[in-house]
Amino acid sequence: MSVGIVAARYAKSLIELAKEKNVVEAVFEDMKLFKDTADKNRGLMLALKSPVVRHEKKLAILKAIFHDKVNPVSYSIFEIITRKNRESILDAIADEFIKTYDEYRGIQKATVITTTPLTEDLRKQFNKIVADATGKTVELEEKVDPALIGGYLLRVNDRQIDASLRSRLNELKLQLAN
């Protein structure tokens, strides 16, 4: 079974448990903390993924880092995952939990890439476009890429709207070459 499917199942179970215990927000913050810690500390994930490091040692590492900082529900997933010998996918579980949390809260993440920073009016327009298309609250990530020359690139999940001058010039170049 693929890591994504397994991680999604654990994340779904964790969010259901968090709902039952009324600690969804706390677990969400804990998963963000874990993901941030794992991203900033390469050694942590190397240790968790290592077949040489014993599972008891991996749990001891997780306990030393997170036991006093996270909710007991969040810590319980670390213990369960360690017992099941799946510590190597804890970062994927945290990612999936964050995605599941966004769905639970009705949040849609979108990325807009432009050549210059967005004005408040443009930000509102992009928010409206995504909100109308998805029916969800929009969390817009803004990036600046001068290589676009002009226009914008809007990504929502696996869909992309490319209204950049660079792509139009490339299309024109292809048409002229034919």
N, C-alpha and C. Protein backbone atom coordinates (compact mmCIF):
# COMPACT_ATOMS: atom_id res chain seq x y z
N MET A 1 0.84 -1.17 0.00
CA MET A 1 0.00 0.00 0.00
C MET A 1 0.89 1.24 0.00
N SER A 2 0.51 2.27 -0.75
CA SER A 2 1.36 3.46 -0.86
C SER A 2 1.35 4.28 0.44
N VAL A 3 2.40 5.04 0.62
CA VAL A 3 2.55 5.87 1.81
C VAL A 3 1.39 6.86 1.92
N GLY A 4 0.99 7.45 0.80
CA GLY A 4 -0.09 8.43 0.80
C GLY A 4 -1.40 7.87 1.31
N ILE A 5 -1.72 6.66 0.90
CA ILE A 5 -2.98 6.02 1.32
C ILE A 5 -2.93 5.70 2.81
N VAL A 6 -1.82 5.14 3.26
CA VAL A 6 -1.67 4.79 4.68
C VAL A 6 -1.70 6.06 5.53
N ALA A 7 -0.97 7.09 5.10
CA ALA A 7 -0.93 8.35 5.85
C ALA A 7 -2.32 8.98 5.91
N ALA A 8 -3.07 8.92 4.81
CA ALA A 8 -4.42 9.49 4.79
C ALA A 8 -5.33 8.76 5.76
N ARG A 9 -5.18 7.45 5.86
CA ARG A 9 -6.02 6.68 6.79
C ARG A 9 -5.72 7.02 8.24
N TYR A 10 -4.43 7.13 8.58
CA TYR A 10 -4.06 7.51 9.94
C TYR A 10 -4.53 8.94 10.24
N ALA A 11 -4.37 9.83 9.27
CA ALA A 11 -4.79 11.23 9.48
C ALA A 11 -6.30 11.32 9.69
N LYS A 12 -7.05 10.55 8.91
CA LYS A 12 -8.51 10.55 9.06
C LYS A 12 -8.90 10.01 10.44
N SER A 13 -8.25 8.94 10.86
CA SER A 13 -8.53 8.38 12.19
C SER A 13 -8.18 9.37 13.29
N LEU A 14 -7.06 10.06 13.11
CA LEU A 14 -6.63 11.03 14.11
C LEU A 14 -7.60 12.20 14.21
N ILE A 15 -8.10 12.68 13.08
CA ILE A 15 -9.03 13.81 13.15
C ILE A 15 -10.36 13.37 13.75
N GLU A 16 -10.77 12.13 13.49
CA GLU A 16 -12.00 11.61 14.10
C GLU A 16 -11.84 11.51 15.62
N LEU A 17 -10.69 11.02 16.06
CA LEU A 17 -10.41 10.93 17.50
C LEU A 17 -10.36 12.32 18.13
N ALA A 18 -9.74 13.26 17.43
CA ALA A 18 -9.65 14.63 17.93
C ALA A 18 -11.03 15.27 18.04
N LYS A 19 -11.90 14.99 17.07
CA LYS A 19 -13.29 15.51 17.12
C LYS A 19 -14.01 14.93 18.33
N GLU A 20 -13.83 13.63 18.52
CA GLU A 20 -14.48 12.93 19.63
C GLU A 20 -14.04 13.51 20.98
N LYS A 21 -12.76 13.83 21.09
CA LYS A 21 -12.20 14.36 22.34
C LYS A 21 -12.27 15.89 22.42
N ASN A 22 -12.79 16.53 21.36
CA ASN A 22 -12.93 17.99 21.32
C ASN A 22 -11.58 18.73 21.38
N VAL A 23 -10.58 18.21 20.68
CA VAL A 23 -9.25 18.82 20.68
C VAL A 23 -8.69 18.98 19.26
N VAL A 24 -9.57 19.21 18.30
CA VAL A 24 -9.13 19.29 16.90
C VAL A 24 -8.11 20.41 16.70
N GLU A 25 -8.38 21.58 17.27
CA GLU A 25 -7.46 22.71 17.10
C GLU A 25 -6.09 22.41 17.71
N ALA A 26 -6.08 21.81 18.89
CA ALA A 26 -4.82 21.49 19.56
C ALA A 26 -4.02 20.47 18.74
N VAL A 27 -4.69 19.46 18.23
CA VAL A 27 -4.00 18.44 17.43
C VAL A 27 -3.48 19.04 16.13
N PHE A 28 -4.27 19.95 15.54
CA PHE A 28 -3.81 20.64 14.33
C PHE A 28 -2.51 21.40 14.61
N GLU A 29 -2.48 22.14 15.71
CA GLU A 29 -1.26 22.88 16.08
C GLU A 29 -0.10 21.92 16.33
N ASP A 30 -0.40 20.77 16.95
CA ASP A 30 0.64 19.77 17.21
C ASP A 30 1.21 19.19 15.91
N MET A 31 0.34 18.94 14.94
CA MET A 31 0.81 18.39 13.66
C MET A 31 1.64 19.42 12.91
N LYS A 32 1.24 20.70 13.01
CA LYS A 32 2.06 21.75 12.40
C LYS A 32 3.42 21.82 13.09
N LEU A 33 3.42 21.69 14.42
CA LEU A 33 4.68 21.69 15.18
C LEU A 33 5.57 20.52 14.74
N PHE A 34 4.97 19.33 14.63
CA PHE A 34 5.75 18.16 14.21
C PHE A 34 6.32 18.38 12.82
N LYS A 35 5.48 18.84 11.90
CA LYS A 35 5.91 19.04 10.51
C LYS A 35 7.03 20.08 10.44
N ASP A 36 6.86 21.16 11.19
CA ASP A 36 7.87 22.21 11.21
C ASP A 36 9.19 21.68 11.79
N THR A 37 9.09 20.92 12.88
CA THR A 37 10.28 20.35 13.51
C THR A 37 10.98 19.38 12.56
N ALA A 38 10.20 18.53 11.90
CA ALA A 38 10.76 17.56 10.96
C ALA A 38 11.42 18.25 9.76
N ASP A 39 10.79 19.33 9.29
CA ASP A 39 11.36 20.06 8.15
C ASP A 39 12.66 20.76 8.51
N LYS A 40 12.73 21.29 9.73
CA LYS A 40 13.91 22.04 10.15
C LYS A 40 15.03 21.14 10.69
N ASN A 41 14.68 19.91 11.08
CA ASN A 41 15.67 19.02 11.68
C ASN A 41 15.74 17.73 10.86
N ARG A 42 16.60 17.74 9.87
CA ARG A 42 16.75 16.59 8.97
C ARG A 42 17.10 15.32 9.74
N GLY A 43 17.87 15.47 10.80
CA GLY A 43 18.31 14.32 11.59
C GLY A 43 17.15 13.58 12.23
N LEU A 44 16.10 14.29 12.60
CA LEU A 44 14.93 13.64 13.19
C LEU A 44 14.31 12.65 12.21
N MET A 45 14.05 13.10 11.00
CA MET A 45 13.42 12.21 10.02
C MET A 45 14.38 11.10 9.59
N LEU A 46 15.67 11.39 9.54
CA LEU A 46 16.63 10.33 9.20
C LEU A 46 16.61 9.24 10.27
N ALA A 47 16.53 9.65 11.53
CA ALA A 47 16.47 8.67 12.63
C ALA A 47 15.17 7.87 12.55
N LEU A 48 14.05 8.55 12.29
CA LEU A 48 12.75 7.85 12.23
C LEU A 48 12.67 6.90 11.04
N LYS A 49 13.36 7.22 9.97
CA LYS A 49 13.31 6.39 8.76
C LYS A 49 14.37 5.29 8.76
N SER A 50 15.31 5.38 9.67
CA SER A 50 16.43 4.44 9.69
C SER A 50 16.00 3.04 10.15
N PRO A 51 16.33 2.01 9.37
CA PRO A 51 16.02 0.65 9.79
C PRO A 51 16.97 0.16 10.89
N VAL A 52 18.07 0.87 11.10
CA VAL A 52 19.06 0.48 12.11
C VAL A 52 18.61 0.90 13.51
N VAL A 53 17.93 2.03 13.61
CA VAL A 53 17.49 2.54 14.91
C VAL A 53 16.27 1.73 15.36
N ARG A 54 16.34 1.22 16.58
CA ARG A 54 15.25 0.40 17.11
C ARG A 54 14.01 1.25 17.38
N HIS A 55 12.85 0.61 17.32
CA HIS A 55 11.57 1.31 17.49
C HIS A 55 11.45 1.94 18.89
N GLU A 56 12.01 1.27 19.89
CA GLU A 56 11.96 1.83 21.24
C GLU A 56 12.76 3.13 21.31
N LYS A 57 13.88 3.17 20.61
CA LYS A 57 14.72 4.37 20.58
C LYS A 57 13.99 5.50 19.84
N LYS A 58 13.30 5.14 18.76
CA LYS A 58 12.55 6.14 18.01
C LYS A 58 11.44 6.75 18.88
N LEU A 59 10.76 5.91 19.63
CA LEU A 59 9.72 6.41 20.53
C LEU A 59 10.33 7.27 21.63
N ALA A 60 11.50 6.90 22.10
CA ALA A 60 12.19 7.70 23.12
C ALA A 60 12.56 9.08 22.57
N ILE A 61 12.97 9.12 21.31
CA ILE A 61 13.30 10.40 20.66
C ILE A 61 12.05 11.26 20.58
N LEU A 62 10.94 10.66 20.10
CA LEU A 62 9.68 11.39 19.99
C LEU A 62 9.19 11.87 21.35
N LYS A 63 9.37 11.02 22.37
CA LYS A 63 8.93 11.38 23.72
C LYS A 63 9.76 12.56 24.23
N ALA A 64 11.06 12.51 24.03
CA ALA A 64 11.93 13.58 24.52
C ALA A 64 11.60 14.92 23.86
N ILE A 65 11.26 14.88 22.59
CA ILE A 65 11.00 16.13 21.87
C ILE A 65 9.57 16.63 22.10
N PHE A 66 8.58 15.73 22.04
CA PHE A 66 7.19 16.18 21.94
C PHE A 66 6.30 15.90 23.16
N HIS A 67 6.66 15.00 24.05
CA HIS A 67 5.74 14.57 25.10
C HIS A 67 5.16 15.72 25.91
N ASP A 68 5.99 16.68 26.30
CA ASP A 68 5.52 17.80 27.13
C ASP A 68 4.95 18.95 26.30
N LYS A 69 5.11 18.90 24.98
CA LYS A 69 4.71 20.02 24.13
C LYS A 69 3.39 19.79 23.39
N VAL A 70 2.94 18.54 23.31
CA VAL A 70 1.75 18.25 22.51
C VAL A 70 0.62 17.68 23.37
N ASN A 71 -0.56 17.73 22.80
CA ASN A 71 -1.75 17.17 23.43
C ASN A 71 -1.59 15.65 23.55
N PRO A 72 -2.15 15.03 24.59
CA PRO A 72 -2.07 13.56 24.72
C PRO A 72 -2.63 12.80 23.51
N VAL A 73 -3.64 13.37 22.87
CA VAL A 73 -4.19 12.72 21.67
C VAL A 73 -3.14 12.69 20.56
N SER A 74 -2.43 13.80 20.39
CA SER A 74 -1.37 13.86 19.38
C SER A 74 -0.24 12.89 19.72
N TYR A 75 0.14 12.86 20.97
CA TYR A 75 1.22 11.97 21.37
C TYR A 75 0.82 10.50 21.19
N SER A 76 -0.45 10.21 21.38
CA SER A 76 -0.90 8.82 21.24
C SER A 76 -0.68 8.30 19.82
N ILE A 77 -0.79 9.20 18.81
CA ILE A 77 -0.56 8.75 17.44
C ILE A 77 0.91 8.37 17.26
N PHE A 78 1.82 9.09 17.95
CA PHE A 78 3.24 8.74 17.87
C PHE A 78 3.47 7.34 18.42
N GLU A 79 2.83 7.05 19.55
CA GLU A 79 2.98 5.71 20.16
C GLU A 79 2.40 4.62 19.26
N ILE A 80 1.23 4.87 18.70
CA ILE A 80 0.58 3.87 17.84
C ILE A 80 1.42 3.61 16.60
N ILE A 81 1.87 4.68 15.96
CA ILE A 81 2.68 4.56 14.75
C ILE A 81 3.97 3.80 15.04
N THR A 82 4.58 4.08 16.19
CA THR A 82 5.82 3.39 16.56
C THR A 82 5.55 1.90 16.80
N ARG A 83 4.45 1.59 17.47
CA ARG A 83 4.10 0.18 17.68
C ARG A 83 3.88 -0.56 16.37
N LYS A 84 3.37 0.15 15.38
CA LYS A 84 3.08 -0.45 14.07
C LYS A 84 4.28 -0.38 13.12
N ASN A 85 5.43 0.10 13.64
CA ASN A 85 6.66 0.19 12.85
C ASN A 85 6.52 1.07 11.60
N ARG A 86 5.80 2.20 11.75
CA ARG A 86 5.59 3.11 10.62
C ARG A 86 6.07 4.53 10.92
N GLU A 87 7.10 4.65 11.74
CA GLU A 87 7.60 5.97 12.12
C GLU A 87 8.07 6.76 10.90
N SER A 88 8.49 6.07 9.87
CA SER A 88 9.04 6.74 8.69
C SER A 88 8.00 7.57 7.95
N ILE A 89 6.71 7.34 8.22
CA ILE A 89 5.68 8.11 7.51
C ILE A 89 5.01 9.16 8.39
N LEU A 90 5.57 9.44 9.55
CA LEU A 90 4.97 10.44 10.43
C LEU A 90 4.86 11.81 9.76
N ASP A 91 5.85 12.19 8.97
CA ASP A 91 5.75 13.49 8.28
C ASP A 91 4.62 13.49 7.25
N ALA A 92 4.42 12.37 6.57
CA ALA A 92 3.32 12.26 5.61
C ALA A 92 1.97 12.28 6.32
N ILE A 93 1.91 11.66 7.51
CA ILE A 93 0.68 11.69 8.30
C ILE A 93 0.36 13.12 8.73
N ALA A 94 1.39 13.85 9.15
CA ALA A 94 1.18 15.26 9.54
C ALA A 94 0.68 16.08 8.36
N ASP A 95 1.27 15.86 7.17
CA ASP A 95 0.81 16.56 5.96
C ASP A 95 -0.65 16.24 5.67
N GLU A 96 -0.98 14.97 5.70
CA GLU A 96 -2.35 14.55 5.41
C GLU A 96 -3.33 15.08 6.46
N PHE A 97 -2.89 15.12 7.72
CA PHE A 97 -3.76 15.66 8.76
C PHE A 97 -4.06 17.13 8.48
N ILE A 98 -3.06 17.88 8.09
CA ILE A 98 -3.25 19.30 7.80
C ILE A 98 -4.22 19.48 6.64
N LYS A 99 -4.10 18.64 5.61
CA LYS A 99 -5.04 18.70 4.47
C LYS A 99 -6.46 18.34 4.93
N THR A 100 -6.56 17.29 5.74
CA THR A 100 -7.86 16.86 6.24
C THR A 100 -8.48 17.93 7.13
N TYR A 101 -7.65 18.59 7.93
CA TYR A 101 -8.13 19.68 8.78
C TYR A 101 -8.68 20.81 7.92
N ASP A 102 -7.97 21.16 6.84
CA ASP A 102 -8.45 22.22 5.95
C ASP A 102 -9.81 21.86 5.36
N GLU A 103 -9.99 20.61 4.95
CA GLU A 103 -11.29 20.16 4.44
C GLU A 103 -12.35 20.26 5.53
N TYR A 104 -12.01 19.84 6.73
CA TYR A 104 -12.92 19.88 7.86
C TYR A 104 -13.37 21.32 8.15
N ARG A 105 -12.47 22.25 8.05
CA ARG A 105 -12.76 23.66 8.31
C ARG A 105 -13.31 24.40 7.09
N GLY A 106 -13.33 23.74 5.92
CA GLY A 106 -13.83 24.38 4.70
C GLY A 106 -12.87 25.41 4.14
N ILE A 107 -11.58 25.12 4.26
CA ILE A 107 -10.54 26.03 3.79
C ILE A 107 -9.96 25.49 2.48
N GLN A 108 -9.82 26.36 1.50
CA GLN A 108 -9.21 26.00 0.23
C GLN A 108 -7.91 26.77 0.08
N LYS A 109 -6.81 26.06 -0.07
CA LYS A 109 -5.52 26.73 -0.27
C LYS A 109 -5.32 26.96 -1.76
N ALA A 110 -4.81 28.14 -2.09
CA ALA A 110 -4.52 28.48 -3.47
C ALA A 110 -3.21 29.25 -3.50
N THR A 111 -2.51 29.15 -4.62
CA THR A 111 -1.26 29.88 -4.80
C THR A 111 -1.38 30.74 -6.04
N VAL A 112 -1.04 32.01 -5.89
CA VAL A 112 -1.02 32.90 -7.04
C VAL A 112 0.40 33.43 -7.20
N ILE A 113 0.91 33.33 -8.43
CA ILE A 113 2.26 33.80 -8.73
C ILE A 113 2.12 34.95 -9.71
N THR A 114 2.69 36.08 -9.36
CA THR A 114 2.63 37.27 -10.20
C THR A 114 4.03 37.85 -10.34
N THR A 115 4.15 38.86 -11.22
CA THR A 115 5.45 39.49 -11.41
C THR A 115 5.74 40.55 -10.35
N THR A 116 4.69 41.08 -9.74
CA THR A 116 4.83 42.08 -8.68
C THR A 116 3.91 41.70 -7.52
N PRO A 117 4.16 42.22 -6.34
CA PRO A 117 3.26 41.92 -5.21
C PRO A 117 1.82 42.36 -5.51
N LEU A 118 0.86 41.61 -4.98
CA LEU A 118 -0.55 41.90 -5.22
C LEU A 118 -1.01 43.13 -4.46
N THR A 119 -1.90 43.88 -5.10
CA THR A 119 -2.56 44.97 -4.40
C THR A 119 -3.74 44.37 -3.64
N GLU A 120 -4.32 45.13 -2.75
CA GLU A 120 -5.47 44.63 -1.97
C GLU A 120 -6.64 44.29 -2.88
N ASP A 121 -6.88 45.10 -3.92
CA ASP A 121 -7.98 44.83 -4.86
C ASP A 121 -7.76 43.52 -5.61
N LEU A 122 -6.54 43.29 -6.10
CA LEU A 122 -6.23 42.04 -6.80
C LEU A 122 -6.36 40.84 -5.87
N ARG A 123 -5.90 41.00 -4.64
CA ARG A 123 -6.02 39.92 -3.65
C ARG A 123 -7.49 39.53 -3.47
N LYS A 124 -8.35 40.54 -3.35
CA LYS A 124 -9.79 40.29 -3.19
C LYS A 124 -10.36 39.59 -4.42
N GLN A 125 -9.90 40.00 -5.61
CA GLN A 125 -10.39 39.37 -6.84
C GLN A 125 -9.99 37.89 -6.92
N PHE A 126 -8.73 37.60 -6.59
CA PHE A 126 -8.28 36.20 -6.61
C PHE A 126 -9.03 35.39 -5.55
N ASN A 127 -9.22 35.96 -4.37
CA ASN A 127 -10.00 35.27 -3.33
C ASN A 127 -11.40 34.97 -3.83
N LYS A 128 -12.02 35.93 -4.51
CA LYS A 128 -13.39 35.74 -5.01
C LYS A 128 -13.44 34.66 -6.10
N ILE A 129 -12.46 34.67 -6.99
CA ILE A 129 -12.41 33.67 -8.07
C ILE A 129 -12.37 32.26 -7.47
N VAL A 130 -11.46 32.05 -6.51
CA VAL A 130 -11.29 30.72 -5.90
C VAL A 130 -12.51 30.37 -5.04
N ALA A 131 -13.03 31.33 -4.28
CA ALA A 131 -14.21 31.07 -3.44
C ALA A 131 -15.42 30.71 -4.29
N ASP A 132 -15.62 31.41 -5.41
CA ASP A 132 -16.74 31.10 -6.30
C ASP A 132 -16.60 29.71 -6.92
N ALA A 133 -15.37 29.34 -7.26
CA ALA A 133 -15.13 28.04 -7.90
C ALA A 133 -15.25 26.88 -6.92
N THR A 134 -14.86 27.09 -5.66
CA THR A 134 -14.81 25.98 -4.71
C THR A 134 -15.89 26.04 -3.65
N GLY A 135 -16.42 27.23 -3.38
CA GLY A 135 -17.43 27.37 -2.33
C GLY A 135 -16.83 27.29 -0.93
N LYS A 136 -15.52 27.52 -0.83
CA LYS A 136 -14.83 27.41 0.47
C LYS A 136 -14.15 28.73 0.81
N THR A 137 -13.75 28.84 2.06
CA THR A 137 -12.94 29.97 2.49
C THR A 137 -11.55 29.81 1.89
N VAL A 138 -11.00 30.90 1.39
CA VAL A 138 -9.73 30.82 0.66
C VAL A 138 -8.56 31.27 1.53
N GLU A 139 -7.50 30.48 1.48
CA GLU A 139 -6.23 30.84 2.09
C GLU A 139 -5.25 31.00 0.94
N LEU A 140 -4.95 32.25 0.60
CA LEU A 140 -4.17 32.56 -0.59
C LEU A 140 -2.69 32.73 -0.26
N GLU A 141 -1.84 31.97 -0.93
CA GLU A 141 -0.40 32.12 -0.80
C GLU A 141 0.08 32.92 -2.01
N GLU A 142 0.83 33.96 -1.76
CA GLU A 142 1.28 34.84 -2.83
C GLU A 142 2.78 34.67 -3.05
N LYS A 143 3.15 34.55 -4.33
CA LYS A 143 4.57 34.45 -4.69
C LYS A 143 4.84 35.43 -5.82
N VAL A 144 6.06 35.91 -5.87
CA VAL A 144 6.47 36.83 -6.93
C VAL A 144 7.54 36.15 -7.78
N ASP A 145 7.32 36.16 -9.11
CA ASP A 145 8.28 35.57 -10.05
C ASP A 145 8.40 36.50 -11.27
N PRO A 146 9.45 37.30 -11.33
CA PRO A 146 9.60 38.23 -12.44
C PRO A 146 9.74 37.54 -13.80
N ALA A 147 10.07 36.25 -13.81
CA ALA A 147 10.23 35.52 -15.06
C ALA A 147 8.91 35.35 -15.81
N LEU A 148 7.79 35.58 -15.15
CA LEU A 148 6.49 35.47 -15.83
C LEU A 148 6.30 36.59 -16.85
N ILE A 149 7.05 37.64 -16.74
CA ILE A 149 7.02 38.83 -17.59
C ILE A 149 5.76 39.67 -17.30
N GLY A 150 4.61 39.06 -17.23
CA GLY A 150 3.36 39.75 -16.93
C GLY A 150 2.28 38.72 -16.72
N GLY A 151 1.12 39.13 -16.22
CA GLY A 151 0.02 38.20 -15.99
C GLY A 151 0.18 37.48 -14.65
N TYR A 152 -0.43 36.28 -14.58
CA TYR A 152 -0.40 35.53 -13.32
C TYR A 152 -0.53 34.04 -13.58
N LEU A 153 -0.22 33.27 -12.54
CA LEU A 153 -0.39 31.83 -12.53
C LEU A 153 -1.15 31.52 -11.25
N LEU A 154 -2.30 30.87 -11.37
CA LEU A 154 -3.14 30.55 -10.21
C LEU A 154 -3.26 29.05 -10.09
N ARG A 155 -2.86 28.51 -8.92
CA ARG A 155 -2.95 27.06 -8.68
C ARG A 155 -3.90 26.79 -7.53
N VAL A 156 -4.84 25.87 -7.78
CA VAL A 156 -5.77 25.41 -6.75
C VAL A 156 -5.77 23.89 -6.85
N ASN A 157 -5.27 23.22 -5.80
CA ASN A 157 -5.11 21.76 -5.83
C ASN A 157 -4.30 21.37 -7.04
N ASP A 158 -4.86 20.54 -7.91
CA ASP A 158 -4.13 20.07 -9.09
C ASP A 158 -4.54 20.82 -10.35
N ARG A 159 -5.29 21.91 -10.18
CA ARG A 159 -5.70 22.72 -11.33
C ARG A 159 -4.87 23.99 -11.38
N GLN A 160 -4.63 24.46 -12.61
CA GLN A 160 -3.79 25.63 -12.78
C GLN A 160 -4.34 26.50 -13.90
N ILE A 161 -4.39 27.79 -13.66
CA ILE A 161 -4.75 28.76 -14.69
C ILE A 161 -3.48 29.55 -14.98
N ASP A 162 -3.01 29.43 -16.21
CA ASP A 162 -1.78 30.13 -16.60
C ASP A 162 -2.14 31.28 -17.53
N ALA A 163 -2.21 32.47 -16.99
CA ALA A 163 -2.51 33.67 -17.76
C ALA A 163 -1.28 34.57 -17.78
N SER A 164 -0.12 33.94 -17.92
CA SER A 164 1.13 34.71 -17.90
C SER A 164 1.56 35.04 -19.32
N LEU A 165 2.26 36.13 -19.43
CA LEU A 165 2.78 36.55 -20.72
C LEU A 165 3.82 35.56 -21.23
N ARG A 166 4.59 34.98 -20.32
CA ARG A 166 5.61 33.99 -20.71
C ARG A 166 4.98 32.81 -21.44
N SER A 167 3.87 32.29 -20.91
CA SER A 167 3.24 31.12 -21.56
C SER A 167 2.63 31.52 -22.91
N ARG A 168 2.07 32.71 -22.99
CA ARG A 168 1.50 33.16 -24.27
C ARG A 168 2.58 33.35 -25.32
N LEU A 169 3.75 33.88 -24.90
CA LEU A 169 4.85 34.03 -25.84
C LEU A 169 5.37 32.66 -26.30
N ASN A 170 5.41 31.68 -25.40
CA ASN A 170 5.83 30.32 -25.76
C ASN A 170 4.85 29.70 -26.74
N GLU A 171 3.55 29.91 -26.54
CA GLU A 171 2.53 29.40 -27.47
C GLU A 171 2.70 30.03 -28.84
N LEU A 172 2.95 31.33 -28.86
CA LEU A 172 3.14 32.05 -30.12
C LEU A 172 4.38 31.53 -30.84
N LYS A 173 5.46 31.28 -30.09
CA LYS A 173 6.69 30.74 -30.67
C LYS A 173 6.44 29.38 -31.31
N LEU A 174 5.64 28.53 -30.63
CA LEU A 174 5.31 27.22 -31.19
C LEU A 174 4.48 27.35 -32.46
N GLN A 175 3.54 28.27 -32.47
CA GLN A 175 2.70 28.46 -33.65
C GLN A 175 3.54 28.96 -34.84
N LEU A 176 4.47 29.86 -34.55
CA LEU A 176 5.32 30.39 -35.62
C LEU A 176 6.30 29.33 -36.14
N ALA A 177 6.71 28.43 -35.26
CA ALA A 177 7.64 27.36 -35.67
C ALA A 177 6.94 26.37 -36.60
N ASN A 178 5.64 26.20 -36.44
CA ASN A 178 4.89 25.27 -37.28
C ASN A 178 4.51 25.99 -38.55
